[in-house]
Amino acid sequence: MKKFFILLVVFLCAIPFFASGKKDKTVVGRIALFGSAPIDVFAGLVTNDGKQYTLDASEIGLSLEELSALQGYVLECSGTIIRRKKAALSVKSLKDGVFVLHSYKMRE
């Protein structure tokens, strides 16, 4: 009985560890700038299916200026999507969450 209880506890503790692994997703869309210039501007990704994500390109070292230069191009972006909670909408966030950019390539 004691071994069963220990195994049960280990199993229950391991579920969040394995379930939280976020897989890269590839989406196609365009970069757009949101907010009011010059202070509150931030980058977003608008996908071809109409979803809007706040774009986090810090992992690959792209600045806002570099992202703004990519406006108008269709991009194939790979990264992790962090869904936003319904009550967690802040000033610099878009409706479908945050897209953490890992890589991209131009399609046009």
N, C-alpha and C. Protein backbone atom coordinates (compact mmCIF):
# COMPACT_ATOMS: atom_id res chain seq x y z
N MET A 1 0.83 -1.19 0.00
CA MET A 1 0.00 0.00 0.00
C MET A 1 0.88 1.26 0.00
N LYS A 2 1.95 1.22 0.77
CA LYS A 2 2.84 2.38 0.85
C LYS A 2 3.52 2.63 -0.50
N LYS A 3 3.93 1.56 -1.19
CA LYS A 3 4.57 1.71 -2.50
C LYS A 3 3.58 2.27 -3.51
N PHE A 4 2.34 1.80 -3.43
CA PHE A 4 1.31 2.31 -4.33
C PHE A 4 1.11 3.81 -4.12
N PHE A 5 1.05 4.24 -2.89
CA PHE A 5 0.86 5.65 -2.57
C PHE A 5 2.03 6.49 -3.08
N ILE A 6 3.24 5.99 -2.90
CA ILE A 6 4.43 6.72 -3.37
C ILE A 6 4.41 6.82 -4.90
N LEU A 7 4.09 5.74 -5.59
CA LEU A 7 4.00 5.76 -7.04
C LEU A 7 2.91 6.71 -7.53
N LEU A 8 1.80 6.73 -6.84
CA LEU A 8 0.71 7.63 -7.19
C LEU A 8 1.14 9.09 -7.06
N VAL A 9 1.82 9.42 -5.99
CA VAL A 9 2.29 10.78 -5.77
C VAL A 9 3.31 11.18 -6.84
N VAL A 10 4.23 10.30 -7.15
CA VAL A 10 5.23 10.58 -8.19
C VAL A 10 4.55 10.79 -9.53
N PHE A 11 3.59 9.94 -9.85
CA PHE A 11 2.87 10.06 -11.11
C PHE A 11 2.11 11.38 -11.20
N LEU A 12 1.41 11.75 -10.13
CA LEU A 12 0.64 12.99 -10.13
C LEU A 12 1.54 14.22 -10.21
N CYS A 13 2.71 14.15 -9.63
CA CYS A 13 3.65 15.27 -9.70
C CYS A 13 4.29 15.38 -11.08
N ALA A 14 4.40 14.26 -11.78
CA ALA A 14 5.05 14.25 -13.09
C ALA A 14 4.13 14.72 -14.21
N ILE A 15 2.83 14.63 -14.02
CA ILE A 15 1.88 15.02 -15.07
C ILE A 15 2.09 16.47 -15.52
N PRO A 16 2.13 17.46 -14.63
CA PRO A 16 2.33 18.84 -15.11
C PRO A 16 3.66 19.04 -15.82
N PHE A 17 4.68 18.31 -15.41
CA PHE A 17 6.00 18.46 -16.03
C PHE A 17 5.94 18.04 -17.49
N PHE A 18 5.33 16.91 -17.78
CA PHE A 18 5.26 16.43 -19.15
C PHE A 18 4.17 17.12 -19.96
N ALA A 19 3.10 17.53 -19.33
CA ALA A 19 2.00 18.17 -20.04
C ALA A 19 2.31 19.62 -20.40
N SER A 20 3.25 20.25 -19.71
CA SER A 20 3.52 21.66 -19.95
C SER A 20 4.50 21.89 -21.09
N GLY A 21 5.04 20.84 -21.67
CA GLY A 21 5.98 21.00 -22.76
C GLY A 21 5.32 21.67 -23.95
N LYS A 22 5.74 22.87 -24.29
CA LYS A 22 5.14 23.61 -25.38
C LYS A 22 5.88 23.28 -26.66
N LYS A 23 5.12 22.93 -27.67
CA LYS A 23 5.71 22.58 -28.95
C LYS A 23 5.68 23.80 -29.86
N ASP A 24 6.67 23.88 -30.73
CA ASP A 24 6.68 24.95 -31.71
C ASP A 24 5.51 24.80 -32.67
N LYS A 25 4.94 25.93 -33.03
CA LYS A 25 3.87 25.96 -33.99
C LYS A 25 4.31 26.87 -35.12
N THR A 26 3.95 26.54 -36.34
CA THR A 26 4.27 27.37 -37.49
C THR A 26 3.00 28.04 -37.98
N VAL A 27 3.06 29.36 -38.11
CA VAL A 27 1.94 30.14 -38.63
C VAL A 27 2.44 31.04 -39.75
N VAL A 28 1.52 31.44 -40.61
CA VAL A 28 1.83 32.34 -41.71
C VAL A 28 1.05 33.63 -41.48
N GLY A 29 1.76 34.76 -41.58
CA GLY A 29 1.10 36.03 -41.37
C GLY A 29 2.03 37.20 -41.63
N ARG A 30 1.60 38.35 -41.17
CA ARG A 30 2.35 39.60 -41.36
C ARG A 30 2.60 40.28 -40.02
N ILE A 31 3.70 40.98 -39.94
CA ILE A 31 4.01 41.77 -38.75
C ILE A 31 3.33 43.12 -38.88
N ALA A 32 2.73 43.57 -37.80
CA ALA A 32 2.09 44.87 -37.75
C ALA A 32 2.50 45.55 -36.46
N LEU A 33 2.55 46.87 -36.49
CA LEU A 33 2.84 47.64 -35.28
C LEU A 33 1.54 48.15 -34.70
N PHE A 34 1.41 48.05 -33.39
CA PHE A 34 0.22 48.47 -32.67
C PHE A 34 0.62 49.51 -31.63
N GLY A 35 -0.36 50.25 -31.13
CA GLY A 35 -0.12 51.24 -30.10
C GLY A 35 -0.05 52.63 -30.69
N SER A 36 0.36 53.57 -29.85
CA SER A 36 0.46 54.96 -30.29
C SER A 36 1.92 55.40 -30.23
N ALA A 37 2.38 55.94 -31.34
CA ALA A 37 3.78 56.38 -31.44
C ALA A 37 3.96 57.66 -30.64
N PRO A 38 5.08 57.95 -30.12
CA PRO A 38 6.33 57.21 -30.20
C PRO A 38 6.60 56.30 -29.01
N ILE A 39 5.72 56.31 -28.01
CA ILE A 39 6.06 55.63 -26.75
C ILE A 39 5.52 54.21 -26.66
N ASP A 40 4.27 54.00 -26.98
CA ASP A 40 3.60 52.73 -26.70
C ASP A 40 3.50 51.80 -27.89
N VAL A 41 4.44 51.82 -28.79
CA VAL A 41 4.40 50.97 -29.97
C VAL A 41 4.93 49.58 -29.63
N PHE A 42 4.24 48.56 -30.12
CA PHE A 42 4.72 47.18 -29.95
C PHE A 42 4.37 46.39 -31.20
N ALA A 43 5.10 45.30 -31.41
CA ALA A 43 4.91 44.48 -32.61
C ALA A 43 3.89 43.39 -32.35
N GLY A 44 3.13 43.10 -33.39
CA GLY A 44 2.17 42.01 -33.34
C GLY A 44 2.28 41.18 -34.60
N LEU A 45 1.73 40.00 -34.53
CA LEU A 45 1.70 39.09 -35.67
C LEU A 45 0.23 38.84 -35.99
N VAL A 46 -0.17 39.19 -37.22
CA VAL A 46 -1.54 38.96 -37.68
C VAL A 46 -1.48 37.82 -38.68
N THR A 47 -2.08 36.70 -38.33
CA THR A 47 -1.99 35.51 -39.17
C THR A 47 -2.99 35.57 -40.31
N ASN A 48 -2.80 34.70 -41.27
CA ASN A 48 -3.70 34.64 -42.43
C ASN A 48 -5.11 34.23 -42.04
N ASP A 49 -5.26 33.54 -40.91
CA ASP A 49 -6.60 33.15 -40.47
C ASP A 49 -7.21 34.15 -39.48
N GLY A 50 -6.61 35.34 -39.37
CA GLY A 50 -7.20 36.43 -38.60
C GLY A 50 -6.82 36.50 -37.13
N LYS A 51 -5.95 35.64 -36.65
CA LYS A 51 -5.55 35.71 -35.24
C LYS A 51 -4.50 36.80 -35.06
N GLN A 52 -4.52 37.41 -33.89
CA GLN A 52 -3.58 38.48 -33.56
C GLN A 52 -2.82 38.12 -32.29
N TYR A 53 -1.50 38.07 -32.43
CA TYR A 53 -0.63 37.75 -31.31
C TYR A 53 0.33 38.90 -31.05
N THR A 54 0.59 39.19 -29.80
CA THR A 54 1.68 40.08 -29.45
C THR A 54 2.96 39.32 -29.78
N LEU A 55 3.90 39.98 -30.46
CA LEU A 55 5.09 39.29 -30.94
C LEU A 55 6.25 39.53 -29.99
N ASP A 56 6.82 38.44 -29.49
CA ASP A 56 8.01 38.49 -28.64
C ASP A 56 9.17 37.89 -29.43
N ALA A 57 10.05 38.75 -29.93
CA ALA A 57 11.19 38.30 -30.74
C ALA A 57 12.50 38.40 -29.97
N SER A 58 12.42 38.50 -28.66
CA SER A 58 13.63 38.68 -27.86
C SER A 58 14.53 37.44 -27.88
N GLU A 59 13.96 36.26 -28.07
CA GLU A 59 14.78 35.04 -28.08
C GLU A 59 15.75 34.99 -29.27
N ILE A 60 15.35 35.62 -30.37
CA ILE A 60 16.24 35.63 -31.53
C ILE A 60 16.90 36.99 -31.73
N GLY A 61 16.69 37.90 -30.79
CA GLY A 61 17.42 39.17 -30.76
C GLY A 61 16.96 40.22 -31.75
N LEU A 62 15.70 40.19 -32.18
CA LEU A 62 15.20 41.21 -33.09
C LEU A 62 14.64 42.39 -32.31
N SER A 63 15.03 43.58 -32.70
CA SER A 63 14.52 44.79 -32.05
C SER A 63 13.23 45.24 -32.74
N LEU A 64 12.57 46.22 -32.15
CA LEU A 64 11.35 46.76 -32.73
C LEU A 64 11.62 47.37 -34.11
N GLU A 65 12.77 48.01 -34.26
CA GLU A 65 13.13 48.61 -35.55
C GLU A 65 13.30 47.54 -36.62
N GLU A 66 13.93 46.42 -36.25
CA GLU A 66 14.12 45.33 -37.21
C GLU A 66 12.78 44.67 -37.56
N LEU A 67 11.90 44.55 -36.57
CA LEU A 67 10.58 44.00 -36.83
C LEU A 67 9.76 44.92 -37.72
N SER A 68 9.87 46.23 -37.50
CA SER A 68 9.10 47.16 -38.32
C SER A 68 9.56 47.14 -39.77
N ALA A 69 10.83 46.82 -40.01
CA ALA A 69 11.33 46.70 -41.38
C ALA A 69 10.73 45.49 -42.10
N LEU A 70 10.20 44.53 -41.36
CA LEU A 70 9.60 43.34 -41.95
C LEU A 70 8.11 43.50 -42.23
N GLN A 71 7.55 44.67 -41.89
CA GLN A 71 6.13 44.91 -42.16
C GLN A 71 5.86 44.82 -43.66
N GLY A 72 4.73 44.26 -44.01
CA GLY A 72 4.35 44.17 -45.41
C GLY A 72 4.76 42.87 -46.07
N TYR A 73 5.64 42.11 -45.46
CA TYR A 73 6.06 40.83 -46.01
C TYR A 73 5.25 39.70 -45.38
N VAL A 74 4.96 38.69 -46.16
CA VAL A 74 4.32 37.50 -45.62
C VAL A 74 5.43 36.62 -45.06
N LEU A 75 5.29 36.26 -43.79
CA LEU A 75 6.32 35.49 -43.10
C LEU A 75 5.77 34.15 -42.64
N GLU A 76 6.62 33.15 -42.68
CA GLU A 76 6.32 31.86 -42.06
C GLU A 76 7.08 31.84 -40.74
N CYS A 77 6.36 31.89 -39.65
CA CYS A 77 6.97 32.04 -38.33
C CYS A 77 6.81 30.76 -37.51
N SER A 78 7.89 30.35 -36.87
CA SER A 78 7.85 29.21 -35.96
C SER A 78 8.11 29.71 -34.55
N GLY A 79 7.33 29.22 -33.61
CA GLY A 79 7.52 29.65 -32.23
C GLY A 79 6.49 29.02 -31.32
N THR A 80 6.43 29.55 -30.13
CA THR A 80 5.53 29.05 -29.10
C THR A 80 4.42 30.06 -28.87
N ILE A 81 3.21 29.56 -28.79
CA ILE A 81 2.06 30.42 -28.50
C ILE A 81 1.72 30.31 -27.03
N ILE A 82 1.65 31.46 -26.38
CA ILE A 82 1.22 31.52 -24.98
C ILE A 82 -0.16 32.16 -25.00
N ARG A 83 -1.16 31.36 -24.74
CA ARG A 83 -2.54 31.86 -24.76
C ARG A 83 -2.75 32.83 -23.61
N ARG A 84 -3.52 33.84 -23.87
CA ARG A 84 -3.80 34.80 -22.81
C ARG A 84 -5.05 34.35 -22.05
N LYS A 85 -5.07 34.69 -20.79
CA LYS A 85 -6.25 34.40 -19.99
C LYS A 85 -7.25 35.52 -20.23
N LYS A 86 -8.53 35.21 -20.14
CA LYS A 86 -9.57 36.18 -20.49
C LYS A 86 -9.43 37.50 -19.75
N ALA A 87 -9.06 37.46 -18.49
CA ALA A 87 -8.97 38.69 -17.70
C ALA A 87 -7.58 39.32 -17.75
N ALA A 88 -6.66 38.73 -18.50
CA ALA A 88 -5.27 39.18 -18.46
C ALA A 88 -4.90 40.12 -19.61
N LEU A 89 -5.87 40.77 -20.22
CA LEU A 89 -5.58 41.68 -21.31
C LEU A 89 -4.96 42.95 -20.75
N SER A 90 -3.74 43.26 -21.20
CA SER A 90 -3.07 44.46 -20.73
C SER A 90 -2.93 45.44 -21.89
N VAL A 91 -2.27 46.54 -21.64
CA VAL A 91 -2.15 47.60 -22.65
C VAL A 91 -1.43 47.11 -23.90
N LYS A 92 -0.34 46.40 -23.74
CA LYS A 92 0.43 45.94 -24.88
C LYS A 92 0.22 44.46 -25.16
N SER A 93 -1.04 44.06 -25.27
CA SER A 93 -1.31 42.66 -25.59
C SER A 93 -2.45 42.58 -26.59
N LEU A 94 -2.41 41.57 -27.41
CA LEU A 94 -3.43 41.35 -28.42
C LEU A 94 -4.30 40.17 -28.03
N LYS A 95 -5.42 40.03 -28.70
CA LYS A 95 -6.51 39.16 -28.24
C LYS A 95 -6.20 37.67 -28.17
N ASP A 96 -5.28 37.17 -28.98
CA ASP A 96 -5.06 35.73 -29.02
C ASP A 96 -3.83 35.27 -28.25
N GLY A 97 -3.11 36.17 -27.60
CA GLY A 97 -1.98 35.78 -26.77
C GLY A 97 -0.66 36.32 -27.27
N VAL A 98 0.40 35.64 -26.90
CA VAL A 98 1.77 36.04 -27.24
C VAL A 98 2.38 34.96 -28.11
N PHE A 99 3.03 35.37 -29.19
CA PHE A 99 3.76 34.45 -30.05
C PHE A 99 5.24 34.68 -29.80
N VAL A 100 5.91 33.71 -29.19
CA VAL A 100 7.35 33.80 -28.92
C VAL A 100 8.06 33.27 -30.16
N LEU A 101 8.67 34.18 -30.89
CA LEU A 101 9.27 33.85 -32.19
C LEU A 101 10.60 33.14 -32.00
N HIS A 102 10.72 31.96 -32.64
CA HIS A 102 11.98 31.21 -32.62
C HIS A 102 12.71 31.30 -33.94
N SER A 103 11.96 31.38 -35.04
CA SER A 103 12.56 31.55 -36.36
C SER A 103 11.48 32.03 -37.32
N TYR A 104 11.94 32.57 -38.45
CA TYR A 104 11.01 33.03 -39.47
C TYR A 104 11.70 32.96 -40.83
N LYS A 105 10.87 32.92 -41.88
CA LYS A 105 11.39 33.06 -43.23
C LYS A 105 10.34 33.76 -44.07
N MET A 106 10.81 34.53 -45.04
CA MET A 106 9.91 35.27 -45.91
C MET A 106 9.31 34.34 -46.94
N ARG A 107 8.05 34.56 -47.25
CA ARG A 107 7.37 33.73 -48.24
C ARG A 107 7.22 34.45 -49.56
N GLU A 108 7.33 35.77 -49.58
CA GLU A 108 7.20 36.53 -50.83
C GLU A 108 8.53 37.05 -51.25
